Amino acid sequence: MNQYQKIIFVDSSDTTRSPMAEVVLKSMKMDYPISIHSRGLVVLFPEPMNQKAEAILISNGYGSQKHMSKPLTQDDIGDGSGVLLLTMEDSQKEKVFQEYSNLKHVYTVREFLGHSGDLRALYGAPLIEYGLFYEVLKGLMEELVIKLCEEEILE
């Protein structure tokens, strides 16, 4: 049985890093079906994906995105079993622990993969920084697929 049935990437606004992670991971081959989403901790109303983030995804062959930001809710987490919450920063992980219950698997993306440090915020950064972030993110998503598939084999 798969340890995780759902992955939720969590960021502040759900307009840049978390939807990029969702799109990149969804494009990768997984050994078992898994639901992949992105959510924000501070979403007052739905907003489209950041234009620079979308431009980078398009330039890397992902096509136009129809993403609209959504807030993380307790319904997304449910009873917590089978849900892997991956935040972009440690402070976001702490906020998740403060505001939600039934949390069983909450990590920063880098922490889950055995690395340290946050995925830096891109707000106000030039387009080239978004491109560099994409390269880092793609590598992390490749590591994530390998880790999830290895965990599946060990179960």
N, C-alpha and C. Protein backbone atom coordinates (compact mmCIF):
# COMPACT_ATOMS: atom_id res chain seq x y z
N MET A 1 0.84 -1.19 0.00
CA MET A 1 0.00 0.00 0.00
C MET A 1 0.88 1.24 0.00
N ASN A 2 0.48 2.26 -0.75
CA ASN A 2 1.24 3.49 -0.83
C ASN A 2 1.15 4.26 0.47
N GLN A 3 2.30 4.74 0.96
CA GLN A 3 2.30 5.51 2.20
C GLN A 3 1.57 6.83 2.01
N TYR A 4 1.73 7.45 0.84
CA TYR A 4 1.09 8.74 0.56
C TYR A 4 0.14 8.60 -0.62
N GLN A 5 -1.06 9.10 -0.43
CA GLN A 5 -2.02 9.15 -1.53
C GLN A 5 -2.15 10.57 -2.08
N LYS A 6 -1.66 11.54 -1.28
CA LYS A 6 -1.79 12.94 -1.67
C LYS A 6 -0.56 13.72 -1.23
N ILE A 7 -0.05 14.55 -2.14
CA ILE A 7 1.03 15.49 -1.82
C ILE A 7 0.46 16.89 -2.00
N ILE A 8 0.67 17.74 -1.00
CA ILE A 8 0.26 19.14 -1.09
C ILE A 8 1.49 20.00 -0.88
N PHE A 9 1.84 20.78 -1.91
CA PHE A 9 2.91 21.76 -1.79
C PHE A 9 2.30 23.02 -1.19
N VAL A 10 2.91 23.54 -0.14
CA VAL A 10 2.35 24.68 0.59
C VAL A 10 3.33 25.84 0.54
N ASP A 11 2.79 27.00 0.16
CA ASP A 11 3.56 28.24 0.10
C ASP A 11 2.70 29.34 0.71
N SER A 12 3.21 30.54 0.76
CA SER A 12 2.43 31.64 1.34
C SER A 12 1.19 31.95 0.52
N SER A 13 1.38 32.25 -0.77
CA SER A 13 0.25 32.73 -1.58
C SER A 13 -0.26 31.74 -2.61
N ASP A 14 0.45 30.64 -2.83
CA ASP A 14 0.08 29.65 -3.84
C ASP A 14 0.05 30.25 -5.25
N THR A 15 0.97 31.16 -5.52
CA THR A 15 1.02 31.75 -6.87
C THR A 15 2.35 31.53 -7.58
N THR A 16 3.38 31.05 -6.87
CA THR A 16 4.69 30.92 -7.52
C THR A 16 5.32 29.56 -7.27
N ARG A 17 5.96 29.39 -6.13
CA ARG A 17 6.75 28.19 -5.89
C ARG A 17 5.90 26.92 -5.80
N SER A 18 4.82 26.96 -5.02
CA SER A 18 4.04 25.73 -4.85
C SER A 18 3.35 25.29 -6.14
N PRO A 19 2.75 26.20 -6.93
CA PRO A 19 2.17 25.71 -8.19
C PRO A 19 3.23 25.24 -9.18
N MET A 20 4.42 25.86 -9.15
CA MET A 20 5.50 25.36 -10.01
C MET A 20 5.86 23.93 -9.62
N ALA A 21 5.97 23.68 -8.32
CA ALA A 21 6.30 22.33 -7.85
C ALA A 21 5.21 21.34 -8.27
N GLU A 22 3.95 21.76 -8.14
CA GLU A 22 2.84 20.89 -8.54
C GLU A 22 2.94 20.53 -10.02
N VAL A 23 3.13 21.52 -10.87
CA VAL A 23 3.19 21.29 -12.32
C VAL A 23 4.36 20.38 -12.68
N VAL A 24 5.53 20.66 -12.11
CA VAL A 24 6.71 19.87 -12.45
C VAL A 24 6.54 18.43 -11.97
N LEU A 25 6.07 18.22 -10.74
CA LEU A 25 5.91 16.86 -10.24
C LEU A 25 4.84 16.10 -11.03
N LYS A 26 3.75 16.76 -11.38
CA LYS A 26 2.70 16.09 -12.15
C LYS A 26 3.20 15.60 -13.51
N SER A 27 4.22 16.25 -14.05
CA SER A 27 4.74 15.88 -15.36
C SER A 27 5.65 14.65 -15.30
N MET A 28 6.02 14.25 -14.10
CA MET A 28 6.97 13.13 -13.94
C MET A 28 6.24 11.81 -13.75
N LYS A 29 6.89 10.75 -14.21
CA LYS A 29 6.30 9.42 -14.11
C LYS A 29 6.44 8.90 -12.68
N MET A 30 5.30 8.52 -12.13
CA MET A 30 5.28 7.92 -10.79
C MET A 30 4.91 6.45 -10.93
N ASP A 31 5.39 5.64 -10.00
CA ASP A 31 5.11 4.20 -10.04
C ASP A 31 3.71 3.86 -9.54
N TYR A 32 3.05 4.81 -8.92
CA TYR A 32 1.70 4.57 -8.41
C TYR A 32 0.93 5.88 -8.47
N PRO A 33 -0.40 5.80 -8.52
CA PRO A 33 -1.20 7.04 -8.60
C PRO A 33 -1.12 7.84 -7.30
N ILE A 34 -0.94 9.12 -7.44
CA ILE A 34 -0.89 10.01 -6.28
C ILE A 34 -1.49 11.35 -6.68
N SER A 35 -2.27 11.92 -5.81
CA SER A 35 -2.91 13.20 -6.04
C SER A 35 -1.93 14.31 -5.65
N ILE A 36 -1.70 15.27 -6.54
CA ILE A 36 -0.71 16.33 -6.31
C ILE A 36 -1.41 17.68 -6.40
N HIS A 37 -1.21 18.51 -5.37
CA HIS A 37 -1.88 19.82 -5.29
C HIS A 37 -0.92 20.87 -4.77
N SER A 38 -1.33 22.13 -4.89
CA SER A 38 -0.63 23.22 -4.23
C SER A 38 -1.66 24.08 -3.51
N ARG A 39 -1.23 24.64 -2.39
CA ARG A 39 -2.12 25.47 -1.58
C ARG A 39 -1.31 26.60 -0.96
N GLY A 40 -2.02 27.63 -0.50
CA GLY A 40 -1.37 28.76 0.14
C GLY A 40 -1.84 28.95 1.57
N LEU A 41 -1.01 29.58 2.36
CA LEU A 41 -1.36 29.85 3.75
C LEU A 41 -2.07 31.19 3.92
N VAL A 42 -1.87 32.10 2.96
CA VAL A 42 -2.51 33.42 3.02
C VAL A 42 -3.12 33.71 1.65
N VAL A 43 -4.30 33.15 1.41
CA VAL A 43 -5.00 33.35 0.14
C VAL A 43 -6.35 33.98 0.46
N LEU A 44 -6.46 35.28 0.22
CA LEU A 44 -7.70 35.99 0.52
C LEU A 44 -8.72 35.86 -0.60
N PHE A 45 -8.23 35.73 -1.82
CA PHE A 45 -9.08 35.51 -2.99
C PHE A 45 -8.24 34.81 -4.04
N PRO A 46 -8.87 34.08 -4.98
CA PRO A 46 -8.11 33.36 -6.00
C PRO A 46 -7.31 34.31 -6.89
N GLU A 47 -6.05 33.97 -7.11
CA GLU A 47 -5.18 34.73 -8.01
C GLU A 47 -4.53 33.76 -8.99
N PRO A 48 -4.24 34.22 -10.21
CA PRO A 48 -3.55 33.35 -11.16
C PRO A 48 -2.08 33.17 -10.77
N MET A 49 -1.44 32.23 -11.42
CA MET A 49 -0.02 32.00 -11.20
C MET A 49 0.77 33.25 -11.58
N ASN A 50 1.82 33.50 -10.84
CA ASN A 50 2.73 34.59 -11.15
C ASN A 50 3.16 34.48 -12.62
N GLN A 51 3.15 35.61 -13.33
CA GLN A 51 3.45 35.61 -14.77
C GLN A 51 4.86 35.13 -15.08
N LYS A 52 5.82 35.48 -14.24
CA LYS A 52 7.19 35.03 -14.47
C LYS A 52 7.31 33.52 -14.26
N ALA A 53 6.64 33.01 -13.24
CA ALA A 53 6.66 31.57 -12.99
C ALA A 53 6.03 30.83 -14.17
N GLU A 54 4.91 31.33 -14.65
CA GLU A 54 4.25 30.69 -15.79
C GLU A 54 5.12 30.78 -17.04
N ALA A 55 5.79 31.91 -17.25
CA ALA A 55 6.67 32.06 -18.42
C ALA A 55 7.80 31.03 -18.39
N ILE A 56 8.36 30.82 -17.22
CA ILE A 56 9.44 29.82 -17.09
C ILE A 56 8.91 28.42 -17.38
N LEU A 57 7.73 28.11 -16.85
CA LEU A 57 7.15 26.79 -17.13
C LEU A 57 6.88 26.61 -18.62
N ILE A 58 6.31 27.62 -19.25
CA ILE A 58 6.03 27.55 -20.69
C ILE A 58 7.32 27.38 -21.48
N SER A 59 8.35 28.13 -21.12
CA SER A 59 9.63 28.03 -21.84
C SER A 59 10.29 26.67 -21.66
N ASN A 60 9.88 25.93 -20.65
CA ASN A 60 10.40 24.58 -20.43
C ASN A 60 9.43 23.50 -20.87
N GLY A 61 8.44 23.88 -21.67
CA GLY A 61 7.57 22.90 -22.31
C GLY A 61 6.34 22.46 -21.56
N TYR A 62 5.96 23.16 -20.49
CA TYR A 62 4.80 22.73 -19.70
C TYR A 62 3.48 23.29 -20.20
N GLY A 63 3.50 24.25 -21.11
CA GLY A 63 2.26 24.81 -21.60
C GLY A 63 1.67 25.82 -20.63
N SER A 64 0.64 26.49 -21.09
CA SER A 64 -0.02 27.52 -20.28
C SER A 64 -0.76 26.87 -19.11
N GLN A 65 -0.73 27.54 -17.98
CA GLN A 65 -1.36 27.02 -16.77
C GLN A 65 -2.65 27.79 -16.47
N LYS A 66 -3.66 27.10 -16.03
CA LYS A 66 -4.93 27.72 -15.63
C LYS A 66 -5.03 27.78 -14.10
N HIS A 67 -3.90 27.77 -13.44
CA HIS A 67 -3.86 27.72 -11.98
C HIS A 67 -4.48 28.97 -11.35
N MET A 68 -5.28 28.74 -10.32
CA MET A 68 -5.78 29.81 -9.46
C MET A 68 -5.46 29.41 -8.02
N SER A 69 -4.94 30.34 -7.27
CA SER A 69 -4.52 30.04 -5.90
C SER A 69 -5.69 29.58 -5.04
N LYS A 70 -5.37 28.68 -4.12
CA LYS A 70 -6.37 28.16 -3.17
C LYS A 70 -5.74 28.10 -1.79
N PRO A 71 -6.53 28.40 -0.77
CA PRO A 71 -5.98 28.30 0.59
C PRO A 71 -5.94 26.85 1.07
N LEU A 72 -4.96 26.56 1.91
CA LEU A 72 -4.92 25.26 2.57
C LEU A 72 -6.06 25.21 3.58
N THR A 73 -6.81 24.13 3.59
CA THR A 73 -7.91 23.97 4.53
C THR A 73 -7.74 22.66 5.29
N GLN A 74 -8.45 22.55 6.39
CA GLN A 74 -8.41 21.30 7.14
C GLN A 74 -8.98 20.16 6.31
N ASP A 75 -9.93 20.45 5.43
CA ASP A 75 -10.47 19.42 4.53
C ASP A 75 -9.39 18.84 3.61
N ASP A 76 -8.41 19.68 3.20
CA ASP A 76 -7.30 19.18 2.38
C ASP A 76 -6.51 18.12 3.13
N ILE A 77 -6.38 18.32 4.44
CA ILE A 77 -5.57 17.44 5.28
C ILE A 77 -6.36 16.21 5.73
N GLY A 78 -7.64 16.40 5.99
CA GLY A 78 -8.47 15.30 6.48
C GLY A 78 -7.93 14.75 7.79
N ASP A 79 -7.83 13.42 7.86
CA ASP A 79 -7.31 12.80 9.09
C ASP A 79 -5.78 12.73 9.07
N GLY A 80 -5.18 13.23 8.01
CA GLY A 80 -3.72 13.29 7.92
C GLY A 80 -3.04 12.05 7.40
N SER A 81 -3.72 10.92 7.45
CA SER A 81 -3.08 9.70 6.97
C SER A 81 -2.99 9.74 5.44
N GLY A 82 -1.85 9.43 4.94
CA GLY A 82 -1.64 9.41 3.49
C GLY A 82 -1.43 10.77 2.87
N VAL A 83 -1.35 11.83 3.67
CA VAL A 83 -1.16 13.19 3.15
C VAL A 83 0.24 13.66 3.50
N LEU A 84 1.00 14.04 2.48
CA LEU A 84 2.33 14.59 2.66
C LEU A 84 2.28 16.08 2.34
N LEU A 85 2.52 16.91 3.36
CA LEU A 85 2.55 18.36 3.19
C LEU A 85 4.00 18.80 3.08
N LEU A 86 4.35 19.45 1.98
CA LEU A 86 5.70 19.93 1.76
C LEU A 86 5.69 21.45 1.61
N THR A 87 6.29 22.14 2.57
CA THR A 87 6.34 23.60 2.53
C THR A 87 7.63 24.05 1.85
N MET A 88 7.65 25.31 1.46
CA MET A 88 8.83 25.87 0.82
C MET A 88 9.84 26.38 1.86
N GLU A 89 9.34 26.78 3.03
CA GLU A 89 10.19 27.36 4.06
C GLU A 89 9.84 26.78 5.43
N ASP A 90 10.81 26.80 6.32
CA ASP A 90 10.60 26.30 7.67
C ASP A 90 9.52 27.10 8.40
N SER A 91 9.47 28.42 8.19
CA SER A 91 8.46 29.24 8.87
C SER A 91 7.05 28.84 8.42
N GLN A 92 6.89 28.41 7.18
CA GLN A 92 5.59 27.94 6.71
C GLN A 92 5.23 26.62 7.37
N LYS A 93 6.21 25.76 7.55
CA LYS A 93 5.97 24.49 8.25
C LYS A 93 5.48 24.76 9.67
N GLU A 94 6.13 25.69 10.35
CA GLU A 94 5.72 26.04 11.71
C GLU A 94 4.29 26.58 11.73
N LYS A 95 3.94 27.40 10.75
CA LYS A 95 2.59 27.96 10.68
C LYS A 95 1.55 26.86 10.45
N VAL A 96 1.88 25.88 9.63
CA VAL A 96 0.98 24.75 9.39
C VAL A 96 0.72 24.03 10.71
N PHE A 97 1.78 23.78 11.48
CA PHE A 97 1.63 23.09 12.77
C PHE A 97 0.79 23.91 13.74
N GLN A 98 0.87 25.23 13.68
CA GLN A 98 0.10 26.10 14.57
C GLN A 98 -1.38 26.15 14.20
N GLU A 99 -1.70 26.06 12.91
CA GLU A 99 -3.06 26.35 12.45
C GLU A 99 -3.89 25.14 12.06
N TYR A 100 -3.28 23.97 11.94
CA TYR A 100 -4.02 22.81 11.46
C TYR A 100 -3.82 21.62 12.39
N SER A 101 -4.72 20.65 12.29
CA SER A 101 -4.62 19.45 13.12
C SER A 101 -4.53 18.21 12.24
N ASN A 102 -4.35 17.07 12.89
CA ASN A 102 -4.21 15.78 12.20
C ASN A 102 -3.01 15.75 11.28
N LEU A 103 -1.93 16.39 11.69
CA LEU A 103 -0.73 16.46 10.86
C LEU A 103 0.20 15.29 11.18
N LYS A 104 0.45 14.49 10.19
CA LYS A 104 1.32 13.34 10.39
C LYS A 104 2.62 13.45 9.60
N HIS A 105 2.58 14.07 8.43
CA HIS A 105 3.74 14.14 7.54
C HIS A 105 3.89 15.55 7.00
N VAL A 106 4.60 16.41 7.73
CA VAL A 106 4.81 17.80 7.32
C VAL A 106 6.31 18.08 7.36
N TYR A 107 6.84 18.50 6.23
CA TYR A 107 8.27 18.79 6.09
C TYR A 107 8.43 19.96 5.14
N THR A 108 9.62 20.58 5.15
CA THR A 108 9.95 21.45 4.03
C THR A 108 10.36 20.50 2.90
N VAL A 109 10.32 20.98 1.67
CA VAL A 109 10.71 20.15 0.54
C VAL A 109 12.13 19.64 0.74
N ARG A 110 13.02 20.55 1.07
CA ARG A 110 14.43 20.17 1.22
C ARG A 110 14.63 19.21 2.39
N GLU A 111 13.95 19.46 3.50
CA GLU A 111 14.07 18.59 4.68
C GLU A 111 13.64 17.16 4.35
N PHE A 112 12.53 17.01 3.64
CA PHE A 112 12.02 15.68 3.30
C PHE A 112 13.05 14.90 2.47
N LEU A 113 13.83 15.63 1.69
CA LEU A 113 14.81 14.99 0.81
C LEU A 113 16.20 14.90 1.45
N GLY A 114 16.30 15.29 2.72
CA GLY A 114 17.57 15.18 3.42
C GLY A 114 18.51 16.34 3.23
N HIS A 115 18.00 17.47 2.76
CA HIS A 115 18.81 18.68 2.56
C HIS A 115 18.42 19.72 3.60
N SER A 116 19.23 20.74 3.72
CA SER A 116 18.89 21.82 4.64
C SER A 116 18.59 23.09 3.85
N GLY A 117 17.94 24.02 4.52
CA GLY A 117 17.66 25.31 3.92
C GLY A 117 16.28 25.39 3.28
N ASP A 118 15.84 26.63 3.13
CA ASP A 118 14.55 26.90 2.50
C ASP A 118 14.71 27.07 0.99
N LEU A 119 13.60 26.96 0.29
CA LEU A 119 13.57 27.35 -1.13
C LEU A 119 13.25 28.84 -1.13
N ARG A 120 14.18 29.63 -1.59
CA ARG A 120 14.05 31.07 -1.43
C ARG A 120 12.86 31.65 -2.18
N ALA A 121 12.29 32.68 -1.58
CA ALA A 121 11.15 33.37 -2.18
C ALA A 121 11.60 34.11 -3.43
N LEU A 122 10.71 34.22 -4.40
CA LEU A 122 11.05 34.85 -5.67
C LEU A 122 10.38 36.21 -5.85
N TYR A 123 9.58 36.63 -4.91
CA TYR A 123 8.83 37.88 -5.06
C TYR A 123 9.76 39.03 -5.42
N GLY A 124 9.48 39.68 -6.55
CA GLY A 124 10.26 40.83 -7.00
C GLY A 124 11.56 40.47 -7.70
N ALA A 125 11.87 39.20 -7.82
CA ALA A 125 13.13 38.79 -8.46
C ALA A 125 13.02 38.90 -9.98
N PRO A 126 14.15 39.08 -10.67
CA PRO A 126 14.12 39.12 -12.13
C PRO A 126 13.83 37.74 -12.71
N LEU A 127 13.43 37.71 -13.95
CA LEU A 127 13.05 36.47 -14.62
C LEU A 127 14.15 35.42 -14.55
N ILE A 128 15.39 35.84 -14.66
CA ILE A 128 16.50 34.87 -14.61
C ILE A 128 16.51 34.10 -13.29
N GLU A 129 16.12 34.73 -12.19
CA GLU A 129 16.06 34.05 -10.90
C GLU A 129 14.97 32.97 -10.89
N TYR A 130 13.87 33.24 -11.59
CA TYR A 130 12.82 32.24 -11.72
C TYR A 130 13.33 31.03 -12.50
N GLY A 131 14.13 31.30 -13.52
CA GLY A 131 14.71 30.21 -14.30
C GLY A 131 15.67 29.38 -13.47
N LEU A 132 16.49 30.03 -12.67
CA LEU A 132 17.41 29.31 -11.79
C LEU A 132 16.64 28.51 -10.74
N PHE A 133 15.56 29.10 -10.21
CA PHE A 133 14.73 28.39 -9.25
C PHE A 133 14.13 27.14 -9.90
N TYR A 134 13.66 27.27 -11.13
CA TYR A 134 13.08 26.13 -11.83
C TYR A 134 14.08 24.98 -11.92
N GLU A 135 15.34 25.30 -12.25
CA GLU A 135 16.36 24.25 -12.37
C GLU A 135 16.55 23.52 -11.04
N VAL A 136 16.62 24.28 -9.95
CA VAL A 136 16.74 23.67 -8.62
C VAL A 136 15.50 22.84 -8.31
N LEU A 137 14.34 23.41 -8.56
CA LEU A 137 13.07 22.72 -8.27
C LEU A 137 12.95 21.43 -9.06
N LYS A 138 13.30 21.45 -10.33
CA LYS A 138 13.20 20.25 -11.16
C LYS A 138 14.08 19.14 -10.58
N GLY A 139 15.29 19.49 -10.16
CA GLY A 139 16.17 18.49 -9.54
C GLY A 139 15.58 17.93 -8.26
N LEU A 140 14.98 18.80 -7.45
CA LEU A 140 14.35 18.34 -6.21
C LEU A 140 13.15 17.44 -6.50
N MET A 141 12.37 17.76 -7.52
CA MET A 141 11.21 16.94 -7.86
C MET A 141 11.66 15.58 -8.38
N GLU A 142 12.77 15.53 -9.10
CA GLU A 142 13.31 14.24 -9.54
C GLU A 142 13.74 13.41 -8.33
N GLU A 143 14.38 14.05 -7.36
CA GLU A 143 14.75 13.35 -6.12
C GLU A 143 13.50 12.87 -5.38
N LEU A 144 12.46 13.68 -5.38
CA LEU A 144 11.22 13.31 -4.69
C LEU A 144 10.60 12.07 -5.30
N VAL A 145 10.57 12.00 -6.62
CA VAL A 145 10.02 10.81 -7.29
C VAL A 145 10.81 9.57 -6.89
N ILE A 146 12.13 9.68 -6.91
CA ILE A 146 12.97 8.54 -6.54
C ILE A 146 12.69 8.12 -5.10
N LYS A 147 12.63 9.09 -4.19
CA LYS A 147 12.38 8.76 -2.77
C LYS A 147 11.01 8.11 -2.59
N LEU A 148 9.99 8.64 -3.23
CA LEU A 148 8.65 8.06 -3.08
C LEU A 148 8.61 6.64 -3.65
N CYS A 149 9.27 6.43 -4.77
CA CYS A 149 9.28 5.08 -5.36
C CYS A 149 10.08 4.10 -4.49
N GLU A 150 11.18 4.57 -3.89
CA GLU A 150 11.95 3.72 -2.99
C GLU A 150 11.14 3.36 -1.75
N GLU A 151 10.41 4.31 -1.20
CA GLU A 151 9.58 4.03 -0.03
C GLU A 151 8.50 3.03 -0.37
N GLU A 152 7.97 3.11 -1.59
CA GLU A 152 6.93 2.17 -2.01
C GLU A 152 7.50 0.75 -2.07
N ILE A 153 8.73 0.62 -2.55
CA ILE A 153 9.35 -0.70 -2.65
C ILE A 153 9.60 -1.28 -1.26
N LEU A 154 9.97 -0.44 -0.32
CA LEU A 154 10.30 -0.91 1.04
C LEU A 154 9.06 -1.32 1.84
N GLU A 155 7.90 -0.86 1.44
CA GLU A 155 6.68 -1.20 2.21
C GLU A 155 6.20 -2.60 1.92
